[in-house]
Amino acid sequence: MQEAVGSVELLLARLEEMRAEYRLALPVRFAELVAAARRVRLQRATLGEATRLAHTLAGTAGSYGFPEFGDACSAIEQALIEAAADDGWQRVETALAAAQARLPGAA
């Protein structure tokens, strides 16, 4: 029984380490998303890259315990798709600002 408790404690400790590593990497990954989203406005061919980055961050953020940031990244993905269809780029900038405010560790 004690072995099982020790294994669970090790697993939880490793999960916390992974969460901390992910949190440290988020600002760089978010900056990549912001740059890709802004490139879409200039070059529509990059829409796939930007939506993929937003979609990936949305999913991984939720998995690592940052659901509000994940939801904000989902909103960026949707705003990119809609803006590419109707030139509503202000929605993208609004979604980017909202995600920036929810970025874990943002002041």
PDB file of N, CA and C in Angstrom:
ATOM      1  N   MET A   1       0.827  -1.192   0.000  1.00  0.00           N
ATOM      2  CA  MET A   1       0.000   0.000   0.000  1.00  0.00           C
ATOM      3  C   MET A   1       0.871   1.255   0.000  1.00  0.00           C
ATOM      4  N   GLN A   2       1.931   1.228   0.799  1.00  0.00           N
ATOM      5  CA  GLN A   2       2.814   2.378   0.899  1.00  0.00           C
ATOM      6  C   GLN A   2       3.491   2.659  -0.442  1.00  0.00           C
ATOM      7  N   GLU A   3       3.804   1.582  -1.202  1.00  0.00           N
ATOM      8  CA  GLU A   3       4.396   1.740  -2.532  1.00  0.00           C
ATOM      9  C   GLU A   3       3.466   2.510  -3.448  1.00  0.00           C
ATOM     10  N   ALA A   4       2.176   2.192  -3.398  1.00  0.00           N
ATOM     11  CA  ALA A   4       1.191   2.874  -4.238  1.00  0.00           C
ATOM     12  C   ALA A   4       1.095   4.349  -3.883  1.00  0.00           C
ATOM     13  N   VAL A   5       1.113   4.653  -2.607  1.00  0.00           N
ATOM     14  CA  VAL A   5       1.047   6.050  -2.163  1.00  0.00           C
ATOM     15  C   VAL A   5       2.284   6.796  -2.654  1.00  0.00           C
ATOM     16  N   GLY A   6       3.440   6.176  -2.558  1.00  0.00           N
ATOM     17  CA  GLY A   6       4.667   6.794  -3.034  1.00  0.00           C
ATOM     18  C   GLY A   6       4.631   7.038  -4.528  1.00  0.00           C
ATOM     19  N   SER A   7       4.069   6.100  -5.277  1.00  0.00           N
ATOM     20  CA  SER A   7       3.962   6.244  -6.725  1.00  0.00           C
ATOM     21  C   SER A   7       3.036   7.397  -7.093  1.00  0.00           C
ATOM     22  N   VAL A   8       1.940   7.507  -6.380  1.00  0.00           N
ATOM     23  CA  VAL A   8       0.996   8.599  -6.637  1.00  0.00           C
ATOM     24  C   VAL A   8       1.656   9.937  -6.321  1.00  0.00           C
ATOM     25  N   GLU A   9       2.374   9.987  -5.217  1.00  0.00           N
ATOM     26  CA  GLU A   9       3.062  11.231  -4.863  1.00  0.00           C
ATOM     27  C   GLU A   9       4.094  11.615  -5.916  1.00  0.00           C
ATOM     28  N   LEU A  10       4.833  10.636  -6.435  1.00  0.00           N
ATOM     29  CA  LEU A  10       5.810  10.907  -7.493  1.00  0.00           C
ATOM     30  C   LEU A  10       5.122  11.392  -8.769  1.00  0.00           C
ATOM     31  N   LEU A  11       4.016  10.774  -9.102  1.00  0.00           N
ATOM     32  CA  LEU A  11       3.269  11.178 -10.285  1.00  0.00           C
ATOM     33  C   LEU A  11       2.754  12.603 -10.144  1.00  0.00           C
ATOM     34  N   LEU A  12       2.178  12.913  -8.995  1.00  0.00           N
ATOM     35  CA  LEU A  12       1.672  14.275  -8.770  1.00  0.00           C
ATOM     36  C   LEU A  12       2.799  15.310  -8.805  1.00  0.00           C
ATOM     37  N   ALA A  13       3.937  14.952  -8.256  1.00  0.00           N
ATOM     38  CA  ALA A  13       5.078  15.865  -8.280  1.00  0.00           C
ATOM     39  C   ALA A  13       5.546  16.090  -9.712  1.00  0.00           C
ATOM     40  N   ARG A  14       5.585  15.044 -10.509  1.00  0.00           N
ATOM     41  CA  ARG A  14       5.994  15.179 -11.917  1.00  0.00           C
ATOM     42  C   ARG A  14       4.987  16.002 -12.700  1.00  0.00           C
ATOM     43  N   LEU A  15       3.708  15.798 -12.457  1.00  0.00           N
ATOM     44  CA  LEU A  15       2.682  16.596 -13.131  1.00  0.00           C
ATOM     45  C   LEU A  15       2.829  18.074 -12.794  1.00  0.00           C
ATOM     46  N   GLU A  16       3.145  18.370 -11.557  1.00  0.00           N
ATOM     47  CA  GLU A  16       3.342  19.767 -11.152  1.00  0.00           C
ATOM     48  C   GLU A  16       4.573  20.350 -11.827  1.00  0.00           C
ATOM     49  N   GLU A  17       5.623  19.553 -11.965  1.00  0.00           N
ATOM     50  CA  GLU A  17       6.821  20.012 -12.689  1.00  0.00           C
ATOM     51  C   GLU A  17       6.481  20.322 -14.151  1.00  0.00           C
ATOM     52  N   MET A  18       5.725  19.434 -14.776  1.00  0.00           N
ATOM     53  CA  MET A  18       5.337  19.631 -16.175  1.00  0.00           C
ATOM     54  C   MET A  18       4.477  20.887 -16.320  1.00  0.00           C
ATOM     55  N   ARG A  19       3.582  21.097 -15.390  1.00  0.00           N
ATOM     56  CA  ARG A  19       2.717  22.285 -15.418  1.00  0.00           C
ATOM     57  C   ARG A  19       3.564  23.552 -15.289  1.00  0.00           C
ATOM     58  N   ALA A  20       4.555  23.523 -14.404  1.00  0.00           N
ATOM     59  CA  ALA A  20       5.431  24.683 -14.222  1.00  0.00           C
ATOM     60  C   ALA A  20       6.264  24.945 -15.481  1.00  0.00           C
ATOM     61  N   GLU A  21       6.763  23.887 -16.105  1.00  0.00           N
ATOM     62  CA  GLU A  21       7.528  24.035 -17.349  1.00  0.00           C
ATOM     63  C   GLU A  21       6.647  24.619 -18.447  1.00  0.00           C
ATOM     64  N   TYR A  22       5.431  24.134 -18.534  1.00  0.00           N
ATOM     65  CA  TYR A  22       4.490  24.635 -19.538  1.00  0.00           C
ATOM     66  C   TYR A  22       4.205  26.114 -19.297  1.00  0.00           C
ATOM     67  N   ARG A  23       3.972  26.456 -18.054  1.00  0.00           N
ATOM     68  CA  ARG A  23       3.680  27.854 -17.713  1.00  0.00           C
ATOM     69  C   ARG A  23       4.842  28.763 -18.117  1.00  0.00           C
ATOM     70  N   LEU A  24       6.063  28.317 -17.901  1.00  0.00           N
ATOM     71  CA  LEU A  24       7.232  29.110 -18.288  1.00  0.00           C
ATOM     72  C   LEU A  24       7.340  29.269 -19.809  1.00  0.00           C
ATOM     73  N   ALA A  25       6.905  28.276 -20.547  1.00  0.00           N
ATOM     74  CA  ALA A  25       6.985  28.319 -22.009  1.00  0.00           C
ATOM     75  C   ALA A  25       5.843  29.121 -22.638  1.00  0.00           C
ATOM     76  N   LEU A  26       4.764  29.344 -21.898  1.00  0.00           N
ATOM     77  CA  LEU A  26       3.585  30.007 -22.468  1.00  0.00           C
ATOM     78  C   LEU A  26       3.852  31.388 -23.064  1.00  0.00           C
ATOM     79  N   PRO A  27       4.596  32.264 -22.439  1.00  0.00           N
ATOM     80  CA  PRO A  27       4.800  33.584 -23.060  1.00  0.00           C
ATOM     81  C   PRO A  27       5.411  33.501 -24.459  1.00  0.00           C
ATOM     82  N   VAL A  28       6.369  32.610 -24.657  1.00  0.00           N
ATOM     83  CA  VAL A  28       6.987  32.457 -25.976  1.00  0.00           C
ATOM     84  C   VAL A  28       5.986  31.871 -26.966  1.00  0.00           C
ATOM     85  N   ARG A  29       5.275  30.862 -26.547  1.00  0.00           N
ATOM     86  CA  ARG A  29       4.288  30.236 -27.441  1.00  0.00           C
ATOM     87  C   ARG A  29       3.172  31.216 -27.790  1.00  0.00           C
ATOM     88  N   PHE A  30       2.760  32.039 -26.812  1.00  0.00           N
ATOM     89  CA  PHE A  30       1.727  33.028 -27.086  1.00  0.00           C
ATOM     90  C   PHE A  30       2.266  34.095 -28.039  1.00  0.00           C
ATOM     91  N   ALA A  31       3.506  34.498 -27.866  1.00  0.00           N
ATOM     92  CA  ALA A  31       4.109  35.481 -28.780  1.00  0.00           C
ATOM     93  C   ALA A  31       4.134  34.945 -30.210  1.00  0.00           C
ATOM     94  N   GLU A  32       4.396  33.657 -30.374  1.00  0.00           N
ATOM     95  CA  GLU A  32       4.352  33.034 -31.707  1.00  0.00           C
ATOM     96  C   GLU A  32       2.946  33.128 -32.290  1.00  0.00           C
ATOM     97  N   LEU A  33       1.941  32.883 -31.457  1.00  0.00           N
ATOM     98  CA  LEU A  33       0.555  32.978 -31.904  1.00  0.00           C
ATOM     99  C   LEU A  33       0.212  34.411 -32.312  1.00  0.00           C
ATOM    100  N   VAL A  34       0.606  35.374 -31.505  1.00  0.00           N
ATOM    101  CA  VAL A  34       0.324  36.779 -31.825  1.00  0.00           C
ATOM    102  C   VAL A  34       0.962  37.148 -33.158  1.00  0.00           C
ATOM    103  N   ALA A  35       2.216  36.780 -33.350  1.00  0.00           N
ATOM    104  CA  ALA A  35       2.901  37.092 -34.608  1.00  0.00           C
ATOM    105  C   ALA A  35       2.211  36.420 -35.796  1.00  0.00           C
ATOM    106  N   ALA A  36       1.836  35.161 -35.637  1.00  0.00           N
ATOM    107  CA  ALA A  36       1.163  34.447 -36.724  1.00  0.00           C
ATOM    108  C   ALA A  36      -0.197  35.069 -37.026  1.00  0.00           C
ATOM    109  N   ALA A  37      -0.926  35.441 -35.987  1.00  0.00           N
ATOM    110  CA  ALA A  37      -2.247  36.050 -36.186  1.00  0.00           C
ATOM    111  C   ALA A  37      -2.125  37.366 -36.943  1.00  0.00           C
ATOM    112  N   ARG A  38      -1.125  38.129 -36.623  1.00  0.00           N
ATOM    113  CA  ARG A  38      -0.944  39.427 -37.299  1.00  0.00           C
ATOM    114  C   ARG A  38      -0.441  39.252 -38.728  1.00  0.00           C
ATOM    115  N   ARG A  39       0.281  38.173 -38.998  1.00  0.00           N
ATOM    116  CA  ARG A  39       0.712  37.892 -40.376  1.00  0.00           C
ATOM    117  C   ARG A  39      -0.472  37.548 -41.265  1.00  0.00           C
ATOM    118  N   VAL A  40      -1.494  36.934 -40.691  1.00  0.00           N
ATOM    119  CA  VAL A  40      -2.665  36.546 -41.476  1.00  0.00           C
ATOM    120  C   VAL A  40      -3.274  37.759 -42.161  1.00  0.00           C
ATOM    121  N   ARG A  41      -3.302  38.863 -41.452  1.00  0.00           N
ATOM    122  CA  ARG A  41      -3.890  40.081 -42.019  1.00  0.00           C
ATOM    123  C   ARG A  41      -3.140  40.521 -43.279  1.00  0.00           C
ATOM    124  N   LEU A  42      -1.839  40.307 -43.285  1.00  0.00           N
ATOM    125  CA  LEU A  42      -1.011  40.705 -44.423  1.00  0.00           C
ATOM    126  C   LEU A  42      -0.940  39.630 -45.498  1.00  0.00           C
ATOM    127  N   GLN A  43      -1.011  38.395 -45.067  1.00  0.00           N
ATOM    128  CA  GLN A  43      -0.827  37.270 -45.996  1.00  0.00           C
ATOM    129  C   GLN A  43      -1.773  36.140 -45.600  1.00  0.00           C
ATOM    130  N   ARG A  44      -2.880  36.046 -46.257  1.00  0.00           N
ATOM    131  CA  ARG A  44      -3.913  35.063 -45.891  1.00  0.00           C
ATOM    132  C   ARG A  44      -3.404  33.623 -45.885  1.00  0.00           C
ATOM    133  N   ALA A  45      -2.330  33.363 -46.596  1.00  0.00           N
ATOM    134  CA  ALA A  45      -1.814  32.001 -46.667  1.00  0.00           C
ATOM    135  C   ALA A  45      -1.384  31.473 -45.300  1.00  0.00           C
ATOM    136  N   THR A  46      -1.173  32.363 -44.343  1.00  0.00           N
ATOM    137  CA  THR A  46      -0.724  31.935 -43.017  1.00  0.00           C
ATOM    138  C   THR A  46      -1.887  31.634 -42.068  1.00  0.00           C
ATOM    139  N   LEU A  47      -3.113  31.695 -42.552  1.00  0.00           N
ATOM    140  CA  LEU A  47      -4.276  31.435 -41.695  1.00  0.00           C
ATOM    141  C   LEU A  47      -4.184  30.061 -41.037  1.00  0.00           C
ATOM    142  N   GLY A  48      -3.797  29.054 -41.795  1.00  0.00           N
ATOM    143  CA  GLY A  48      -3.697  27.705 -41.237  1.00  0.00           C
ATOM    144  C   GLY A  48      -2.717  27.618 -40.082  1.00  0.00           C
ATOM    145  N   GLU A  49      -1.575  28.277 -40.230  1.00  0.00           N
ATOM    146  CA  GLU A  49      -0.570  28.283 -39.163  1.00  0.00           C
ATOM    147  C   GLU A  49      -1.127  28.947 -37.904  1.00  0.00           C
ATOM    148  N   ALA A  50      -1.742  30.101 -38.068  1.00  0.00           N
ATOM    149  CA  ALA A  50      -2.255  30.845 -36.913  1.00  0.00           C
ATOM    150  C   ALA A  50      -3.383  30.090 -36.219  1.00  0.00           C
ATOM    151  N   THR A  51      -4.308  29.541 -36.988  1.00  0.00           N
ATOM    152  CA  THR A  51      -5.407  28.805 -36.347  1.00  0.00           C
ATOM    153  C   THR A  51      -4.896  27.534 -35.679  1.00  0.00           C
ATOM    154  N   ARG A  52      -3.878  26.895 -36.262  1.00  0.00           N
ATOM    155  CA  ARG A  52      -3.299  25.696 -35.647  1.00  0.00           C
ATOM    156  C   ARG A  52      -2.647  26.052 -34.311  1.00  0.00           C
ATOM    157  N   LEU A  53      -1.887  27.149 -34.284  1.00  0.00           N
ATOM    158  CA  LEU A  53      -1.259  27.577 -33.024  1.00  0.00           C
ATOM    159  C   LEU A  53      -2.314  27.895 -31.962  1.00  0.00           C
ATOM    160  N   ALA A  54      -3.356  28.611 -32.357  1.00  0.00           N
ATOM    161  CA  ALA A  54      -4.420  28.956 -31.406  1.00  0.00           C
ATOM    162  C   ALA A  54      -5.111  27.694 -30.895  1.00  0.00           C
ATOM    163  N   HIS A  55      -5.413  26.781 -31.795  1.00  0.00           N
ATOM    164  CA  HIS A  55      -6.100  25.538 -31.434  1.00  0.00           C
ATOM    165  C   HIS A  55      -5.230  24.705 -30.481  1.00  0.00           C
ATOM    166  N   THR A  56      -3.943  24.612 -30.789  1.00  0.00           N
ATOM    167  CA  THR A  56      -3.033  23.833 -29.950  1.00  0.00           C
ATOM    168  C   THR A  56      -2.901  24.437 -28.560  1.00  0.00           C
ATOM    169  N   LEU A  57      -2.725  25.762 -28.490  1.00  0.00           N
ATOM    170  CA  LEU A  57      -2.634  26.411 -27.180  1.00  0.00           C
ATOM    171  C   LEU A  57      -3.940  26.265 -26.400  1.00  0.00           C
ATOM    172  N   ALA A  58      -5.061  26.341 -27.089  1.00  0.00           N
ATOM    173  CA  ALA A  58      -6.354  26.190 -26.409  1.00  0.00           C
ATOM    174  C   ALA A  58      -6.441  24.823 -25.739  1.00  0.00           C
ATOM    175  N   GLY A  59      -6.049  23.792 -26.460  1.00  0.00           N
ATOM    176  CA  GLY A  59      -6.129  22.440 -25.902  1.00  0.00           C
ATOM    177  C   GLY A  59      -5.112  22.167 -24.814  1.00  0.00           C
ATOM    178  N   THR A  60      -3.863  22.558 -25.059  1.00  0.00           N
ATOM    179  CA  THR A  60      -2.837  22.264 -24.060  1.00  0.00           C
ATOM    180  C   THR A  60      -3.008  23.102 -22.805  1.00  0.00           C
ATOM    181  N   ALA A  61      -3.458  24.335 -22.945  1.00  0.00           N
ATOM    182  CA  ALA A  61      -3.659  25.173 -21.757  1.00  0.00           C
ATOM    183  C   ALA A  61      -4.684  24.536 -20.824  1.00  0.00           C
ATOM    184  N   GLY A  62      -5.763  24.046 -21.389  1.00  0.00           N
ATOM    185  CA  GLY A  62      -6.764  23.380 -20.561  1.00  0.00           C
ATOM    186  C   GLY A  62      -6.220  22.130 -19.899  1.00  0.00           C
ATOM    187  N   SER A  63      -5.429  21.363 -20.648  1.00  0.00           N
ATOM    188  CA  SER A  63      -4.855  20.132 -20.107  1.00  0.00           C
ATOM    189  C   SER A  63      -3.887  20.392 -18.966  1.00  0.00           C
ATOM    190  N   TYR A  64      -3.204  21.531 -19.008  1.00  0.00           N
ATOM    191  CA  TYR A  64      -2.233  21.855 -17.974  1.00  0.00           C
ATOM    192  C   TYR A  64      -2.814  22.711 -16.850  1.00  0.00           C
ATOM    193  N   GLY A  65      -4.125  22.895 -16.853  1.00  0.00           N
ATOM    194  CA  GLY A  65      -4.758  23.580 -15.733  1.00  0.00           C
ATOM    195  C   GLY A  65      -4.923  25.076 -15.887  1.00  0.00           C
ATOM    196  N   PHE A  66      -4.920  25.565 -17.130  1.00  0.00           N
ATOM    197  CA  PHE A  66      -5.124  26.988 -17.387  1.00  0.00           C
ATOM    198  C   PHE A  66      -6.338  27.168 -18.305  1.00  0.00           C
ATOM    199  N   PRO A  67      -7.529  26.779 -17.832  1.00  0.00           N
ATOM    200  CA  PRO A  67      -8.706  26.781 -18.702  1.00  0.00           C
ATOM    201  C   PRO A  67      -9.117  28.161 -19.206  1.00  0.00           C
ATOM    202  N   GLU A  68      -8.945  29.201 -18.413  1.00  0.00           N
ATOM    203  CA  GLU A  68      -9.338  30.539 -18.879  1.00  0.00           C
ATOM    204  C   GLU A  68      -8.477  30.976 -20.058  1.00  0.00           C
ATOM    205  N   PHE A  69      -7.181  30.701 -19.981  1.00  0.00           N
ATOM    206  CA  PHE A  69      -6.293  31.025 -21.099  1.00  0.00           C
ATOM    207  C   PHE A  69      -6.643  30.159 -22.306  1.00  0.00           C
ATOM    208  N   GLY A  70      -6.967  28.902 -22.075  1.00  0.00           N
ATOM    209  CA  GLY A  70      -7.377  28.017 -23.169  1.00  0.00           C
ATOM    210  C   GLY A  70      -8.630  28.521 -23.867  1.00  0.00           C
ATOM    211  N   ASP A  71      -9.600  28.956 -23.091  1.00  0.00           N
ATOM    212  CA  ASP A  71     -10.827  29.514 -23.676  1.00  0.00           C
ATOM    213  C   ASP A  71     -10.524  30.764 -24.495  1.00  0.00           C
ATOM    214  N   ALA A  72      -9.606  31.585 -23.980  1.00  0.00           N
ATOM    215  CA  ALA A  72      -9.229  32.806 -24.704  1.00  0.00           C
ATOM    216  C   ALA A  72      -8.550  32.456 -26.032  1.00  0.00           C
ATOM    217  N   CYS A  73      -7.748  31.402 -26.047  1.00  0.00           N
ATOM    218  CA  CYS A  73      -7.104  30.973 -27.291  1.00  0.00           C
ATOM    219  C   CYS A  73      -8.130  30.390 -28.264  1.00  0.00           C
ATOM    220  N   SER A  74      -9.153  29.724 -27.760  1.00  0.00           N
ATOM    221  CA  SER A  74     -10.242  29.252 -28.623  1.00  0.00           C
ATOM    222  C   SER A  74     -10.945  30.439 -29.282  1.00  0.00           C
ATOM    223  N   ALA A  75     -11.123  31.512 -28.524  1.00  0.00           N
ATOM    224  CA  ALA A  75     -11.747  32.722 -29.076  1.00  0.00           C
ATOM    225  C   ALA A  75     -10.870  33.336 -30.168  1.00  0.00           C
ATOM    226  N   ILE A  76      -9.550  33.278 -29.997  1.00  0.00           N
ATOM    227  CA  ILE A  76      -8.645  33.776 -31.041  1.00  0.00           C
ATOM    228  C   ILE A  76      -8.813  32.943 -32.306  1.00  0.00           C
ATOM    229  N   GLU A  77      -8.847  31.628 -32.155  1.00  0.00           N
ATOM    230  CA  GLU A  77      -9.026  30.749 -33.313  1.00  0.00           C
ATOM    231  C   GLU A  77     -10.301  31.116 -34.077  1.00  0.00           C
ATOM    232  N   GLN A  78     -11.398  31.274 -33.362  1.00  0.00           N
ATOM    233  CA  GLN A  78     -12.671  31.606 -34.005  1.00  0.00           C
ATOM    234  C   GLN A  78     -12.612  32.991 -34.658  1.00  0.00           C
ATOM    235  N   ALA A  79     -12.005  33.957 -33.959  1.00  0.00           N
ATOM    236  CA  ALA A  79     -11.895  35.313 -34.511  1.00  0.00           C
ATOM    237  C   ALA A  79     -11.060  35.325 -35.787  1.00  0.00           C
ATOM    238  N   LEU A  80     -10.003  34.524 -35.828  1.00  0.00           N
ATOM    239  CA  LEU A  80      -9.179  34.442 -37.041  1.00  0.00           C
ATOM    240  C   LEU A  80      -9.986  33.905 -38.213  1.00  0.00           C
ATOM    241  N   ILE A  81     -10.740  32.866 -37.962  1.00  0.00           N
ATOM    242  CA  ILE A  81     -11.553  32.265 -39.033  1.00  0.00           C
ATOM    243  C   ILE A  81     -12.579  33.269 -39.541  1.00  0.00           C
ATOM    244  N   GLU A  82     -13.244  33.940 -38.623  1.00  0.00           N
ATOM    245  CA  GLU A  82     -14.258  34.918 -39.016  1.00  0.00           C
ATOM    246  C   GLU A  82     -13.632  36.132 -39.704  1.00  0.00           C
ATOM    247  N   ALA A  83     -12.506  36.612 -39.197  1.00  0.00           N
ATOM    248  CA  ALA A  83     -11.866  37.792 -39.779  1.00  0.00           C
ATOM    249  C   ALA A  83     -11.362  37.511 -41.187  1.00  0.00           C
ATOM    250  N   ALA A  84     -10.875  36.321 -41.417  1.00  0.00           N
ATOM    251  CA  ALA A  84     -10.404  35.970 -42.755  1.00  0.00           C
ATOM    252  C   ALA A  84     -11.561  35.975 -43.743  1.00  0.00           C
ATOM    253  N   ALA A  85     -12.758  35.678 -43.257  1.00  0.00           N
ATOM    254  CA  ALA A  85     -13.935  35.647 -44.132  1.00  0.00           C
ATOM    255  C   ALA A  85     -14.499  37.036 -44.398  1.00  0.00           C
ATOM    256  N   ASP A  86     -14.425  37.944 -43.409  1.00  0.00           N
ATOM    257  CA  ASP A  86     -15.108  39.236 -43.592  1.00  0.00           C
ATOM    258  C   ASP A  86     -14.275  40.464 -43.247  1.00  0.00           C
ATOM    259  N   ASP A  87     -12.967  40.310 -43.105  1.00  0.00           N
ATOM    260  CA  ASP A  87     -12.069  41.429 -42.791  1.00  0.00           C
ATOM    261  C   ASP A  87     -12.360  42.092 -41.446  1.00  0.00           C
ATOM    262  N   GLY A  88     -12.860  41.363 -40.488  1.00  0.00           N
ATOM    263  CA  GLY A  88     -13.146  41.910 -39.159  1.00  0.00           C
ATOM    264  C   GLY A  88     -11.953  41.764 -38.234  1.00  0.00           C
ATOM    265  N   TRP A  89     -10.860  42.415 -38.557  1.00  0.00           N
ATOM    266  CA  TRP A  89      -9.615  42.219 -37.820  1.00  0.00           C
ATOM    267  C   TRP A  89      -9.642  42.778 -36.411  1.00  0.00           C
ATOM    268  N   GLN A  90     -10.534  43.688 -36.117  1.00  0.00           N
ATOM    269  CA  GLN A  90     -10.613  44.201 -34.752  1.00  0.00           C
ATOM    270  C   GLN A  90     -10.983  43.087 -33.776  1.00  0.00           C
ATOM    271  N   ARG A  91     -11.794  42.136 -34.224  1.00  0.00           N
ATOM    272  CA  ARG A  91     -12.139  40.982 -33.373  1.00  0.00           C
ATOM    273  C   ARG A  91     -10.886  40.201 -32.995  1.00  0.00           C
ATOM    274  N   VAL A  92      -9.972  40.054 -33.952  1.00  0.00           N
ATOM    275  CA  VAL A  92      -8.737  39.318 -33.675  1.00  0.00           C
ATOM    276  C   VAL A  92      -7.916  40.069 -32.630  1.00  0.00           C
ATOM    277  N   GLU A  93      -7.755  41.375 -32.815  1.00  0.00           N
ATOM    278  CA  GLU A  93      -6.981  42.166 -31.849  1.00  0.00           C
ATOM    279  C   GLU A  93      -7.633  42.132 -30.469  1.00  0.00           C
ATOM    280  N   THR A  94      -8.951  42.191 -30.419  1.00  0.00           N
ATOM    281  CA  THR A  94      -9.667  42.114 -29.140  1.00  0.00           C
ATOM    282  C   THR A  94      -9.433  40.755 -28.480  1.00  0.00           C
ATOM    283  N   ALA A  95      -9.505  39.684 -29.273  1.00  0.00           N
ATOM    284  CA  ALA A  95      -9.279  38.337 -28.737  1.00  0.00           C
ATOM    285  C   ALA A  95      -7.841  38.170 -28.261  1.00  0.00           C
ATOM    286  N   LEU A  96      -6.878  38.726 -29.001  1.00  0.00           N
ATOM    287  CA  LEU A  96      -5.478  38.649 -28.581  1.00  0.00           C
ATOM    288  C   LEU A  96      -5.273  39.379 -27.252  1.00  0.00           C
ATOM    289  N   ALA A  97      -5.867  40.546 -27.117  1.00  0.00           N
ATOM    290  CA  ALA A  97      -5.741  41.310 -25.871  1.00  0.00           C
ATOM    291  C   ALA A  97      -6.367  40.558 -24.698  1.00  0.00           C
ATOM    292  N   ALA A  98      -7.511  39.934 -24.936  1.00  0.00           N
ATOM    293  CA  ALA A  98      -8.172  39.172 -23.865  1.00  0.00           C
ATOM    294  C   ALA A  98      -7.305  37.982 -23.435  1.00  0.00           C
ATOM    295  N   ALA A  99      -6.684  37.307 -24.388  1.00  0.00           N
ATOM    296  CA  ALA A  99      -5.816  36.170 -24.051  1.00  0.00           C
ATOM    297  C   ALA A  99      -4.579  36.654 -23.303  1.00  0.00           C
ATOM    298  N   GLN A 100      -4.027  37.771 -23.736  1.00  0.00           N
ATOM    299  CA  GLN A 100      -2.850  38.331 -23.059  1.00  0.00           C
ATOM    300  C   GLN A 100      -3.167  38.602 -21.582  1.00  0.00           C
ATOM    301  N   ALA A 101      -4.361  39.093 -21.321  1.00  0.00           N
ATOM    302  CA  ALA A 101      -4.776  39.378 -19.942  1.00  0.00           C
ATOM    303  C   ALA A 101      -4.931  38.104 -19.121  1.00  0.00           C
ATOM    304  N   ARG A 102      -5.209  36.986 -19.777  1.00  0.00           N
ATOM    305  CA  ARG A 102      -5.407  35.707 -19.079  1.00  0.00           C
ATOM    306  C   ARG A 102      -4.148  34.832 -19.067  1.00  0.00           C
ATOM    307  N   LEU A 103      -3.093  35.298 -19.702  1.00  0.00           N
ATOM    308  CA  LEU A 103      -1.858  34.536 -19.754  1.00  0.00           C
ATOM    309  C   LEU A 103      -1.356  34.335 -18.329  1.00  0.00           C
ATOM    310  N   PRO A 104      -1.180  33.084 -17.911  1.00  0.00           N
ATOM    311  CA  PRO A 104      -0.727  32.836 -16.540  1.00  0.00           C
ATOM    312  C   PRO A 104       0.580  33.576 -16.257  1.00  0.00           C
ATOM    313  N   GLY A 105       0.595  34.302 -15.155  1.00  0.00           N
ATOM    314  CA  GLY A 105       1.761  35.056 -14.769  1.00  0.00           C
ATOM    315  C   GLY A 105       1.798  36.473 -15.328  1.00  0.00           C
ATOM    316  N   ALA A 106       0.807  36.828 -16.164  1.00  0.00           N
ATOM    317  CA  ALA A 106       0.775  38.184 -16.724  1.00  0.00           C
ATOM    318  C   ALA A 106       0.379  39.158 -15.631  1.00  0.00           C
ATOM    319  N   ALA A 107       1.035  40.282 -15.637  1.00  0.00           N
ATOM    320  CA  ALA A 107       0.718  41.290 -14.598  1.00  0.00           C
ATOM    321  C   ALA A 107      -0.197  42.349 -15.142  1.00  0.00           C
TER     322      ALA A 107
END
